[in-house]
């Protein structure tokens, strides 16, 4: 009889140890999140980005995103420029859509996975921004000159997608 009660005590102690181990793992991951600053968490692992430029962003409001050119960015200094702009704490949260259309979008990748989409407008005489959708609301960032230069250079390299004729 003592063996059975001893075994129950051992099982309970093992269960408590397992719960304590899981709780300590969860606590350390919470600390990592607190160390990451800015609205968009986890940008330090950004390894590439695709930039899509709409061919006629101010044309047909229903189809302006249909035709585009694109390029891929992998240069670490270019990605660092984009990350710095998105780490800025001076952003505005808006419930409605931005005042003007985006000219394209930057699709950020972490380890080949799509991480975040950033929309942009470089028409700085009237509309100049970066924005992301965060928790159903628009977060608008200013468009720094460095990111503007990155986008101008990327646009020169952008190509139309090629249809896959093998399907």
N, C-alpha and C. Protein backbone atom coordinates (compact mmCIF):
# COMPACT_ATOMS: atom_id res chain seq x y z
N UNK A 1 0.82 -1.19 0.00
CA UNK A 1 0.00 0.00 0.00
C UNK A 1 0.87 1.26 0.00
N UNK A 2 1.97 1.22 0.72
CA UNK A 2 2.85 2.38 0.77
C UNK A 2 3.50 2.66 -0.59
N UNK A 3 3.74 1.60 -1.38
CA UNK A 3 4.34 1.79 -2.70
C UNK A 3 3.41 2.59 -3.59
N UNK A 4 2.09 2.33 -3.54
CA UNK A 4 1.14 3.04 -4.38
C UNK A 4 1.06 4.52 -4.00
N UNK A 5 1.00 4.81 -2.73
CA UNK A 5 0.94 6.22 -2.32
C UNK A 5 2.27 6.93 -2.60
N UNK A 6 3.38 6.21 -2.46
CA UNK A 6 4.68 6.77 -2.80
C UNK A 6 4.75 7.10 -4.29
N UNK A 7 4.23 6.20 -5.13
CA UNK A 7 4.22 6.42 -6.58
C UNK A 7 3.33 7.61 -6.94
N UNK A 8 2.22 7.79 -6.25
CA UNK A 8 1.34 8.93 -6.51
C UNK A 8 2.06 10.24 -6.19
N UNK A 9 2.78 10.23 -5.08
CA UNK A 9 3.54 11.42 -4.68
C UNK A 9 4.60 11.73 -5.73
N UNK A 10 5.31 10.72 -6.22
CA UNK A 10 6.33 10.90 -7.25
C UNK A 10 5.70 11.47 -8.52
N UNK A 11 4.54 10.92 -8.94
CA UNK A 11 3.86 11.41 -10.15
C UNK A 11 3.47 12.87 -9.99
N UNK A 12 2.95 13.25 -8.81
CA UNK A 12 2.57 14.65 -8.56
C UNK A 12 3.79 15.57 -8.59
N UNK A 13 4.89 15.10 -8.03
CA UNK A 13 6.11 15.92 -8.02
C UNK A 13 6.64 16.10 -9.45
N UNK A 14 6.60 15.04 -10.25
CA UNK A 14 7.05 15.14 -11.65
C UNK A 14 6.15 16.09 -12.44
N UNK A 15 4.86 16.03 -12.18
CA UNK A 15 3.92 16.94 -12.86
C UNK A 15 4.23 18.39 -12.48
N UNK A 16 4.50 18.65 -11.20
CA UNK A 16 4.84 20.01 -10.76
C UNK A 16 6.14 20.49 -11.38
N UNK A 17 7.14 19.61 -11.47
CA UNK A 17 8.40 19.97 -12.10
C UNK A 17 8.20 20.30 -13.58
N UNK A 18 7.38 19.53 -14.26
CA UNK A 18 7.10 19.79 -15.67
C UNK A 18 6.41 21.14 -15.84
N UNK A 19 5.44 21.43 -15.01
CA UNK A 19 4.75 22.72 -15.07
C UNK A 19 5.71 23.87 -14.80
N UNK A 20 6.58 23.71 -13.82
CA UNK A 20 7.57 24.75 -13.51
C UNK A 20 8.53 24.97 -14.67
N UNK A 21 8.95 23.89 -15.34
CA UNK A 21 9.85 24.02 -16.48
C UNK A 21 9.18 24.76 -17.63
N UNK A 22 7.93 24.43 -17.90
CA UNK A 22 7.19 25.11 -18.97
C UNK A 22 6.99 26.58 -18.64
N UNK A 23 6.66 26.87 -17.40
CA UNK A 23 6.46 28.26 -16.98
C UNK A 23 7.74 29.08 -17.13
N UNK A 24 8.88 28.50 -16.82
CA UNK A 24 10.15 29.25 -16.94
C UNK A 24 10.48 29.51 -18.41
N UNK A 25 10.15 28.58 -19.31
CA UNK A 25 10.38 28.82 -20.74
C UNK A 25 9.50 29.94 -21.24
N UNK A 26 8.26 29.97 -20.83
CA UNK A 26 7.33 31.02 -21.24
C UNK A 26 7.81 32.37 -20.74
N UNK A 27 8.32 32.43 -19.54
CA UNK A 27 8.79 33.68 -18.97
C UNK A 27 9.96 34.25 -19.75
N UNK A 28 10.92 33.39 -20.18
CA UNK A 28 12.07 33.89 -20.91
C UNK A 28 11.66 34.41 -22.29
N UNK A 29 10.66 33.80 -22.94
CA UNK A 29 10.22 34.32 -24.24
C UNK A 29 9.51 35.65 -24.07
N UNK A 30 8.80 35.86 -22.95
CA UNK A 30 8.17 37.16 -22.70
C UNK A 30 9.23 38.24 -22.52
N UNK A 31 10.34 37.93 -21.92
CA UNK A 31 11.40 38.91 -21.74
C UNK A 31 11.99 39.31 -23.09
N UNK A 32 12.13 38.37 -24.01
CA UNK A 32 12.67 38.70 -25.33
C UNK A 32 11.76 39.68 -26.05
N UNK A 33 10.46 39.49 -25.95
CA UNK A 33 9.52 40.38 -26.62
C UNK A 33 9.63 41.79 -26.04
N UNK A 34 9.79 41.91 -24.73
CA UNK A 34 9.92 43.23 -24.11
C UNK A 34 11.17 43.96 -24.59
N UNK A 35 12.23 43.22 -24.92
CA UNK A 35 13.46 43.86 -25.36
C UNK A 35 13.36 44.41 -26.78
N UNK A 36 12.43 43.88 -27.58
CA UNK A 36 12.24 44.33 -28.95
C UNK A 36 11.40 45.61 -28.92
N UNK A 37 11.89 46.68 -29.51
CA UNK A 37 11.20 47.96 -29.42
C UNK A 37 10.45 48.29 -30.70
N UNK A 38 9.60 49.29 -30.64
CA UNK A 38 8.86 49.75 -31.80
C UNK A 38 7.53 49.03 -31.96
N UNK A 39 6.74 49.51 -32.90
CA UNK A 39 5.43 48.94 -33.16
C UNK A 39 5.53 47.55 -33.78
N UNK A 40 6.47 47.36 -34.68
CA UNK A 40 6.62 46.09 -35.39
C UNK A 40 7.73 45.30 -34.72
N UNK A 41 7.36 44.24 -34.06
CA UNK A 41 8.33 43.42 -33.31
C UNK A 41 9.06 42.45 -34.23
N UNK A 42 10.28 42.11 -33.89
CA UNK A 42 11.02 41.07 -34.59
C UNK A 42 11.73 41.48 -35.86
N UNK A 43 11.90 42.76 -36.10
CA UNK A 43 12.54 43.20 -37.34
C UNK A 43 14.02 42.86 -37.40
N UNK A 44 14.62 42.54 -36.27
CA UNK A 44 16.06 42.24 -36.28
C UNK A 44 16.37 41.02 -37.14
N UNK A 45 15.42 40.12 -37.31
CA UNK A 45 15.65 38.92 -38.12
C UNK A 45 15.32 39.08 -39.59
N UNK A 46 14.99 40.29 -40.01
CA UNK A 46 14.62 40.54 -41.41
C UNK A 46 15.76 40.15 -42.34
N UNK A 47 15.47 39.28 -43.33
CA UNK A 47 16.55 38.83 -44.22
C UNK A 47 16.36 39.22 -45.68
N UNK A 48 15.16 39.63 -46.07
CA UNK A 48 14.95 40.09 -47.44
C UNK A 48 13.61 40.82 -47.52
N UNK A 49 13.40 41.46 -48.66
CA UNK A 49 12.14 42.16 -48.89
C UNK A 49 11.87 42.18 -50.39
N UNK A 50 10.61 42.13 -50.74
CA UNK A 50 10.20 42.33 -52.12
C UNK A 50 9.51 43.68 -52.19
N UNK A 51 9.84 44.45 -53.21
CA UNK A 51 9.19 45.74 -53.38
C UNK A 51 8.34 45.66 -54.65
N UNK A 52 7.07 45.98 -54.49
CA UNK A 52 6.13 45.96 -55.60
C UNK A 52 5.73 47.40 -55.89
N UNK A 53 5.86 47.78 -57.15
CA UNK A 53 5.48 49.12 -57.61
C UNK A 53 4.27 49.01 -58.53
N UNK A 54 3.16 49.63 -58.17
CA UNK A 54 1.99 49.61 -59.03
C UNK A 54 2.28 50.46 -60.27
N UNK A 55 1.90 49.96 -61.44
CA UNK A 55 2.20 50.67 -62.69
C UNK A 55 1.43 51.98 -62.80
N UNK A 56 0.18 52.00 -62.34
CA UNK A 56 -0.64 53.21 -62.42
C UNK A 56 -1.38 53.42 -61.10
N UNK A 57 -0.64 53.81 -60.06
CA UNK A 57 -1.25 53.88 -58.72
C UNK A 57 -2.38 54.90 -58.59
N UNK A 58 -2.43 55.87 -59.49
CA UNK A 58 -3.46 56.90 -59.36
C UNK A 58 -4.54 56.74 -60.44
N UNK A 59 -4.55 55.59 -61.11
CA UNK A 59 -5.54 55.30 -62.15
C UNK A 59 -6.79 54.67 -61.55
N UNK A 60 -7.32 53.68 -62.24
CA UNK A 60 -8.55 52.98 -61.86
C UNK A 60 -8.48 52.51 -60.40
N UNK A 61 -9.40 53.00 -59.59
CA UNK A 61 -9.35 52.71 -58.15
C UNK A 61 -9.61 51.24 -57.83
N UNK A 62 -10.24 50.50 -58.73
CA UNK A 62 -10.52 49.09 -58.48
C UNK A 62 -9.44 48.15 -58.98
N UNK A 63 -8.64 48.61 -59.93
CA UNK A 63 -7.67 47.71 -60.56
C UNK A 63 -6.22 48.22 -60.51
N UNK A 64 -5.97 49.27 -59.80
CA UNK A 64 -4.62 49.85 -59.87
C UNK A 64 -3.53 48.94 -59.33
N UNK A 65 -3.87 47.96 -58.50
CA UNK A 65 -2.86 47.04 -57.98
C UNK A 65 -2.64 45.83 -58.89
N UNK A 66 -3.40 45.73 -59.95
CA UNK A 66 -3.35 44.56 -60.83
C UNK A 66 -2.05 44.48 -61.64
N UNK A 67 -1.56 45.60 -62.11
CA UNK A 67 -0.35 45.61 -62.92
C UNK A 67 0.78 46.24 -62.13
N UNK A 68 1.91 45.55 -62.12
CA UNK A 68 3.01 46.02 -61.27
C UNK A 68 4.35 45.53 -61.79
N UNK A 69 5.39 46.11 -61.22
CA UNK A 69 6.75 45.61 -61.39
C UNK A 69 7.26 45.30 -59.99
N UNK A 70 8.31 44.50 -59.90
CA UNK A 70 8.82 44.16 -58.57
C UNK A 70 10.31 43.87 -58.62
N UNK A 71 10.92 43.93 -57.45
CA UNK A 71 12.32 43.54 -57.28
C UNK A 71 12.51 43.01 -55.87
N UNK A 72 13.61 42.32 -55.65
CA UNK A 72 13.92 41.76 -54.34
C UNK A 72 15.11 42.50 -53.75
N UNK A 73 15.03 42.79 -52.47
CA UNK A 73 16.13 43.45 -51.74
C UNK A 73 16.72 42.45 -50.74
N UNK A 74 18.04 42.29 -50.78
CA UNK A 74 18.72 41.39 -49.83
C UNK A 74 19.91 42.05 -49.17
N UNK A 75 20.33 43.20 -49.66
CA UNK A 75 21.49 43.89 -49.12
C UNK A 75 21.22 44.32 -47.67
N UNK A 76 22.11 43.97 -46.78
CA UNK A 76 21.89 44.23 -45.36
C UNK A 76 21.79 45.73 -45.04
N UNK A 77 22.55 46.57 -45.71
CA UNK A 77 22.47 48.01 -45.41
C UNK A 77 21.13 48.59 -45.90
N UNK A 78 20.61 48.08 -47.01
CA UNK A 78 19.31 48.51 -47.51
C UNK A 78 18.21 48.09 -46.53
N UNK A 79 18.27 46.85 -46.07
CA UNK A 79 17.28 46.35 -45.12
C UNK A 79 17.37 47.10 -43.79
N UNK A 80 18.58 47.46 -43.41
CA UNK A 80 18.78 48.22 -42.18
C UNK A 80 18.10 49.59 -42.27
N UNK A 81 18.14 50.22 -43.43
CA UNK A 81 17.48 51.51 -43.65
C UNK A 81 15.97 51.38 -43.46
N UNK A 82 15.40 50.32 -44.01
CA UNK A 82 13.95 50.08 -43.87
C UNK A 82 13.60 49.78 -42.41
N UNK A 83 14.40 48.93 -41.77
CA UNK A 83 14.14 48.58 -40.36
C UNK A 83 14.19 49.81 -39.47
N UNK A 84 15.15 50.69 -39.71
CA UNK A 84 15.27 51.90 -38.89
C UNK A 84 14.03 52.78 -39.02
N UNK A 85 13.49 52.89 -40.22
CA UNK A 85 12.28 53.71 -40.41
C UNK A 85 11.10 53.11 -39.67
N UNK A 86 10.99 51.79 -39.65
CA UNK A 86 9.87 51.13 -38.99
C UNK A 86 10.06 51.01 -37.48
N UNK A 87 11.27 51.21 -37.00
CA UNK A 87 11.53 51.19 -35.57
C UNK A 87 11.25 52.55 -34.94
N UNK A 88 11.00 53.54 -35.77
CA UNK A 88 10.71 54.89 -35.29
C UNK A 88 9.44 54.87 -34.43
N UNK A 89 9.50 55.52 -33.30
CA UNK A 89 8.33 55.55 -32.42
C UNK A 89 7.38 56.69 -32.76
N UNK A 90 7.73 57.51 -33.73
CA UNK A 90 6.86 58.62 -34.14
C UNK A 90 5.96 58.18 -35.29
N UNK A 91 4.91 57.46 -34.95
CA UNK A 91 3.93 57.04 -35.94
C UNK A 91 2.55 57.47 -35.48
N UNK A 92 1.62 57.50 -36.41
CA UNK A 92 0.24 57.93 -36.11
C UNK A 92 -0.68 56.74 -36.37
N UNK A 93 -1.51 56.41 -35.41
CA UNK A 93 -2.51 55.35 -35.58
C UNK A 93 -3.79 55.98 -36.08
N UNK A 94 -4.34 55.45 -37.19
CA UNK A 94 -5.58 55.95 -37.75
C UNK A 94 -6.57 54.80 -37.89
N UNK A 95 -7.84 55.08 -37.65
CA UNK A 95 -8.87 54.05 -37.80
C UNK A 95 -9.23 53.85 -39.27
N UNK A 96 -9.23 54.90 -40.06
CA UNK A 96 -9.60 54.79 -41.47
C UNK A 96 -8.40 54.65 -42.37
N UNK A 97 -8.68 54.50 -43.65
CA UNK A 97 -7.60 54.37 -44.63
C UNK A 97 -6.80 55.66 -44.75
N UNK A 98 -5.57 55.55 -45.25
CA UNK A 98 -4.76 56.75 -45.47
C UNK A 98 -5.45 57.73 -46.42
N UNK A 99 -5.02 58.97 -46.36
CA UNK A 99 -5.62 60.04 -47.15
C UNK A 99 -5.40 59.87 -48.65
N UNK A 100 -4.37 59.14 -49.04
CA UNK A 100 -4.08 58.96 -50.46
C UNK A 100 -3.66 57.51 -50.70
N UNK A 101 -3.62 57.13 -51.93
CA UNK A 101 -3.28 55.75 -52.30
C UNK A 101 -1.80 55.44 -52.12
N UNK A 102 -1.54 54.16 -51.92
CA UNK A 102 -0.14 53.73 -51.91
C UNK A 102 0.32 53.54 -53.35
N UNK A 103 1.60 53.74 -53.55
CA UNK A 103 2.21 53.54 -54.86
C UNK A 103 2.76 52.12 -54.99
N UNK A 104 2.79 51.42 -53.87
CA UNK A 104 3.30 50.05 -53.88
C UNK A 104 3.40 49.53 -52.47
N UNK A 105 4.09 48.40 -52.35
CA UNK A 105 4.25 47.80 -51.03
C UNK A 105 5.59 47.08 -50.93
N UNK A 106 6.05 46.99 -49.70
CA UNK A 106 7.28 46.28 -49.38
C UNK A 106 6.87 45.07 -48.56
N UNK A 107 7.17 43.90 -49.06
CA UNK A 107 6.82 42.67 -48.33
C UNK A 107 8.08 42.20 -47.62
N UNK A 108 8.06 42.27 -46.29
CA UNK A 108 9.22 41.91 -45.48
C UNK A 108 9.23 40.41 -45.22
N UNK A 109 10.43 39.82 -45.29
CA UNK A 109 10.58 38.38 -45.07
C UNK A 109 11.51 38.10 -43.90
N UNK A 110 11.10 37.15 -43.07
CA UNK A 110 11.94 36.61 -42.01
C UNK A 110 12.12 35.13 -42.33
N UNK A 111 13.33 34.71 -42.57
CA UNK A 111 13.61 33.30 -42.88
C UNK A 111 12.68 32.77 -43.96
N UNK A 112 12.56 33.47 -45.04
CA UNK A 112 11.80 33.11 -46.23
C UNK A 112 10.28 33.23 -46.03
N UNK A 113 9.80 33.41 -44.82
CA UNK A 113 8.37 33.56 -44.56
C UNK A 113 7.97 35.03 -44.71
N UNK A 114 6.79 35.28 -45.24
CA UNK A 114 6.27 36.65 -45.29
C UNK A 114 6.00 37.09 -43.86
N UNK A 115 6.55 38.22 -43.47
CA UNK A 115 6.41 38.68 -42.08
C UNK A 115 5.45 39.86 -41.96
N UNK A 116 5.62 40.86 -42.79
CA UNK A 116 4.80 42.07 -42.69
C UNK A 116 4.78 42.76 -44.04
N UNK A 117 3.67 43.41 -44.34
CA UNK A 117 3.56 44.20 -45.56
C UNK A 117 3.53 45.67 -45.18
N UNK A 118 4.37 46.45 -45.84
CA UNK A 118 4.49 47.88 -45.59
C UNK A 118 4.10 48.59 -46.89
N UNK A 119 3.12 49.47 -46.81
CA UNK A 119 2.68 50.23 -47.99
C UNK A 119 3.40 51.57 -48.01
N UNK A 120 3.57 52.14 -49.21
CA UNK A 120 4.30 53.40 -49.28
C UNK A 120 3.75 54.32 -50.35
N UNK A 121 4.03 55.60 -50.16
CA UNK A 121 3.79 56.63 -51.16
C UNK A 121 4.98 57.56 -51.14
N UNK A 122 5.54 57.82 -52.33
CA UNK A 122 6.70 58.70 -52.43
C UNK A 122 6.33 60.02 -53.08
N UNK A 123 5.06 60.28 -53.24
CA UNK A 123 4.60 61.54 -53.85
C UNK A 123 4.65 62.62 -52.77
N UNK A 124 5.85 63.04 -52.45
CA UNK A 124 6.08 63.84 -51.25
C UNK A 124 5.58 65.28 -51.32
N UNK A 125 5.18 65.74 -52.48
CA UNK A 125 4.58 67.08 -52.52
C UNK A 125 3.17 67.05 -51.92
N UNK A 126 2.49 65.89 -51.97
CA UNK A 126 1.14 65.79 -51.41
C UNK A 126 0.96 64.63 -50.44
N UNK A 127 1.70 63.56 -50.62
CA UNK A 127 1.47 62.36 -49.82
C UNK A 127 2.75 61.55 -49.71
N UNK A 128 3.31 61.48 -48.52
CA UNK A 128 4.62 60.89 -48.33
C UNK A 128 4.61 60.05 -47.05
N UNK A 129 4.58 58.71 -47.16
CA UNK A 129 4.47 57.91 -45.95
C UNK A 129 4.88 56.47 -46.17
N UNK A 130 5.02 55.76 -45.07
CA UNK A 130 5.05 54.31 -44.98
C UNK A 130 3.89 53.97 -44.05
N UNK A 131 3.16 52.91 -44.31
CA UNK A 131 2.17 52.50 -43.32
C UNK A 131 2.02 50.99 -43.29
N UNK A 132 1.63 50.51 -42.13
CA UNK A 132 1.35 49.09 -41.92
C UNK A 132 -0.03 48.98 -41.30
N UNK A 133 -0.62 47.82 -41.45
CA UNK A 133 -1.88 47.56 -40.78
C UNK A 133 -1.54 46.81 -39.51
N UNK A 134 -1.93 47.36 -38.38
CA UNK A 134 -1.61 46.79 -37.08
C UNK A 134 -2.88 46.69 -36.26
N UNK A 135 -3.27 45.46 -35.94
CA UNK A 135 -4.48 45.22 -35.15
C UNK A 135 -5.71 45.90 -35.77
N UNK A 136 -5.80 45.84 -37.09
CA UNK A 136 -6.97 46.39 -37.78
C UNK A 136 -6.96 47.88 -37.99
N UNK A 137 -5.89 48.55 -37.56
CA UNK A 137 -5.79 50.00 -37.75
C UNK A 137 -4.53 50.31 -38.54
N UNK A 138 -4.51 51.47 -39.16
CA UNK A 138 -3.37 51.89 -39.96
C UNK A 138 -2.38 52.63 -39.08
N UNK A 139 -1.12 52.23 -39.15
CA UNK A 139 -0.04 52.93 -38.45
C UNK A 139 0.81 53.60 -39.53
N UNK A 140 0.81 54.92 -39.51
CA UNK A 140 1.49 55.71 -40.54
C UNK A 140 2.82 56.24 -40.01
N UNK A 141 3.89 55.98 -40.75
CA UNK A 141 5.23 56.44 -40.42
C UNK A 141 5.65 57.47 -41.45
N UNK A 142 6.54 58.36 -41.06
CA UNK A 142 7.08 59.29 -42.06
C UNK A 142 7.99 58.50 -43.00
N UNK A 143 8.21 59.04 -44.18
CA UNK A 143 9.07 58.40 -45.17
C UNK A 143 10.43 59.09 -45.15
N UNK A 144 11.41 58.50 -44.47
CA UNK A 144 12.73 59.12 -44.41
C UNK A 144 13.40 59.16 -45.79
N UNK A 145 14.29 60.10 -45.97
CA UNK A 145 15.00 60.25 -47.23
C UNK A 145 15.75 58.97 -47.61
N UNK A 146 16.30 58.27 -46.63
CA UNK A 146 17.03 57.03 -46.91
C UNK A 146 16.13 55.97 -47.53
N UNK A 147 14.92 55.82 -47.03
CA UNK A 147 13.98 54.84 -47.58
C UNK A 147 13.51 55.31 -48.95
N UNK A 148 13.33 56.60 -49.09
CA UNK A 148 12.95 57.15 -50.40
C UNK A 148 14.00 56.80 -51.46
N UNK A 149 15.26 56.95 -51.10
CA UNK A 149 16.36 56.59 -52.01
C UNK A 149 16.36 55.09 -52.32
N UNK A 150 16.12 54.27 -51.29
CA UNK A 150 16.04 52.82 -51.49
C UNK A 150 14.94 52.50 -52.51
N UNK A 151 13.78 53.14 -52.35
CA UNK A 151 12.66 52.89 -53.26
C UNK A 151 12.96 53.38 -54.68
N UNK A 152 13.60 54.54 -54.79
CA UNK A 152 13.95 55.05 -56.12
C UNK A 152 14.90 54.10 -56.84
N UNK A 153 15.91 53.60 -56.12
CA UNK A 153 16.86 52.65 -56.71
C UNK A 153 16.20 51.32 -57.04
N UNK A 154 15.32 50.87 -56.15
CA UNK A 154 14.63 49.59 -56.38
C UNK A 154 13.73 49.69 -57.61
N UNK A 155 13.10 50.85 -57.81
CA UNK A 155 12.21 51.02 -58.96
C UNK A 155 12.98 50.89 -60.28
N UNK A 156 14.23 51.32 -60.28
CA UNK A 156 15.06 51.19 -61.48
C UNK A 156 15.35 49.72 -61.81
N UNK A 157 15.39 48.89 -60.79
CA UNK A 157 15.70 47.47 -60.97
C UNK A 157 14.45 46.60 -61.16
N UNK A 158 13.28 47.16 -60.90
CA UNK A 158 12.04 46.39 -60.91
C UNK A 158 11.69 45.90 -62.32
N UNK A 159 11.17 44.69 -62.36
CA UNK A 159 10.77 44.04 -63.62
C UNK A 159 9.32 43.57 -63.51
N UNK A 160 8.69 43.42 -64.67
CA UNK A 160 7.35 42.84 -64.70
C UNK A 160 7.46 41.35 -64.41
N UNK A 161 6.44 40.78 -63.75
CA UNK A 161 6.46 39.33 -63.55
C UNK A 161 6.30 38.62 -64.88
N UNK A 162 6.88 37.45 -64.98
CA UNK A 162 6.78 36.67 -66.21
C UNK A 162 5.84 35.51 -65.94
N UNK A 163 4.86 35.35 -66.81
CA UNK A 163 3.89 34.27 -66.66
C UNK A 163 4.57 32.93 -66.88
N UNK A 164 4.20 31.95 -66.07
CA UNK A 164 4.74 30.61 -66.20
C UNK A 164 3.94 29.86 -67.26
N UNK A 165 4.54 29.59 -68.41
CA UNK A 165 3.83 28.96 -69.52
C UNK A 165 3.81 27.44 -69.42
N UNK A 166 4.40 26.87 -68.37
CA UNK A 166 4.45 25.41 -68.24
C UNK A 166 3.17 24.86 -67.63
N UNK A 167 2.29 25.69 -67.13
CA UNK A 167 1.07 25.20 -66.48
C UNK A 167 -0.09 25.14 -67.43
